[in-house]
Protein backbone atom coordinates (compact mmCIF):
# COMPACT_ATOMS: atom_id res chain seq x y z
CA UNK A 1 -1.31 19.57 -20.13
CA UNK A 2 -1.21 17.24 -23.11
CA UNK A 3 -1.31 18.48 -26.66
CA UNK A 4 -4.10 17.19 -28.84
CA UNK A 5 -2.95 14.27 -30.91
CA UNK A 6 0.14 13.66 -28.77
CA UNK A 7 0.68 10.14 -27.43
CA UNK A 8 -0.16 9.62 -23.79
CA UNK A 9 2.71 10.18 -21.39
CA UNK A 10 4.42 12.88 -23.44
CA UNK A 11 4.22 16.49 -22.33
CA UNK A 12 3.07 19.25 -24.65
CA UNK A 13 6.59 20.35 -25.65
CA UNK A 14 8.03 16.86 -26.18
CA UNK A 15 8.03 15.28 -29.62
CA UNK A 16 9.32 11.89 -28.43
CA UNK A 17 10.13 10.11 -25.21
CA UNK A 18 13.44 11.07 -23.57
CA UNK A 19 16.37 8.75 -24.20
CA UNK A 20 17.37 6.44 -21.37
CA UNK A 21 21.01 5.60 -20.70
CA UNK A 22 21.92 1.92 -20.79
CA UNK A 23 22.79 1.98 -17.08
CA UNK A 24 19.34 3.40 -16.28
CA UNK A 25 17.22 0.81 -18.10
CA UNK A 26 14.24 -0.36 -16.04
CA UNK A 27 14.70 -3.71 -14.33
CA UNK A 28 12.40 -6.65 -14.62
CA UNK A 29 10.34 -7.65 -11.60
CA UNK A 30 12.60 -10.58 -10.79
CA UNK A 31 15.75 -8.43 -11.05
CA UNK A 32 14.27 -5.83 -8.72
CA UNK A 33 13.18 -8.54 -6.27
CA UNK A 34 16.77 -9.77 -5.96
CA UNK A 35 17.68 -6.48 -4.26
CA UNK A 36 15.21 -7.16 -1.47
CA UNK A 37 15.71 -10.70 -0.14
CA UNK A 38 12.83 -12.11 1.90
CA UNK A 39 13.20 -11.90 5.65
CA UNK A 40 11.61 -14.03 8.33
CA UNK A 41 8.66 -12.33 9.97
CA UNK A 42 7.73 -12.48 13.63
CA UNK A 43 4.35 -13.99 14.45
CA UNK A 44 2.45 -12.04 17.06
CA UNK A 45 -0.66 -13.72 18.43
CA UNK A 46 -2.72 -10.75 19.53
CA UNK A 47 -5.57 -8.80 18.00
CA UNK A 48 -4.48 -5.90 15.83
CA UNK A 49 -7.39 -3.80 16.99
CA UNK A 50 -8.86 -3.81 20.45
CA UNK A 51 -12.40 -2.49 20.58
CA UNK A 52 -14.10 -1.32 23.76
CA UNK A 53 -17.39 -2.94 24.79
CA UNK A 54 -19.30 0.28 23.98
CA UNK A 55 -17.82 0.42 20.48
CA UNK A 56 -18.50 -3.28 19.97
CA UNK A 57 -22.18 -2.81 20.87
CA UNK A 58 -22.39 0.14 18.46
CA UNK A 59 -20.74 -1.83 15.64
CA UNK A 60 -23.06 -4.80 16.23
CA UNK A 61 -26.07 -2.48 16.08
CA UNK A 62 -24.86 -0.85 12.86
CA UNK A 63 -24.14 -4.23 11.30
CA UNK A 64 -27.63 -5.45 12.19
CA UNK A 65 -29.32 -2.31 10.83
CA UNK A 66 -27.32 -2.48 7.60
CA UNK A 67 -28.23 -6.16 7.16
CA UNK A 68 -31.92 -5.45 7.73
CA UNK A 69 -31.81 -2.54 5.28
CA UNK A 70 -30.46 -4.68 2.45
CA UNK A 71 -32.65 -7.67 3.41
């Protein structure tokens, strides 16, 4: 719970933000990105979701009803 008048992010019993050691300073986005080099992905040419004919008919019906409702 935050105390009234306390800056956001500080708990009720803290008067100031905790000190951070020099070795624990937050890194910039580019420095953090260096730790995770990009890798080559594998292209897979297949649908991510396979829908049965019954489900496809239901989804088409729902899509049509929703379109008619807003039209």
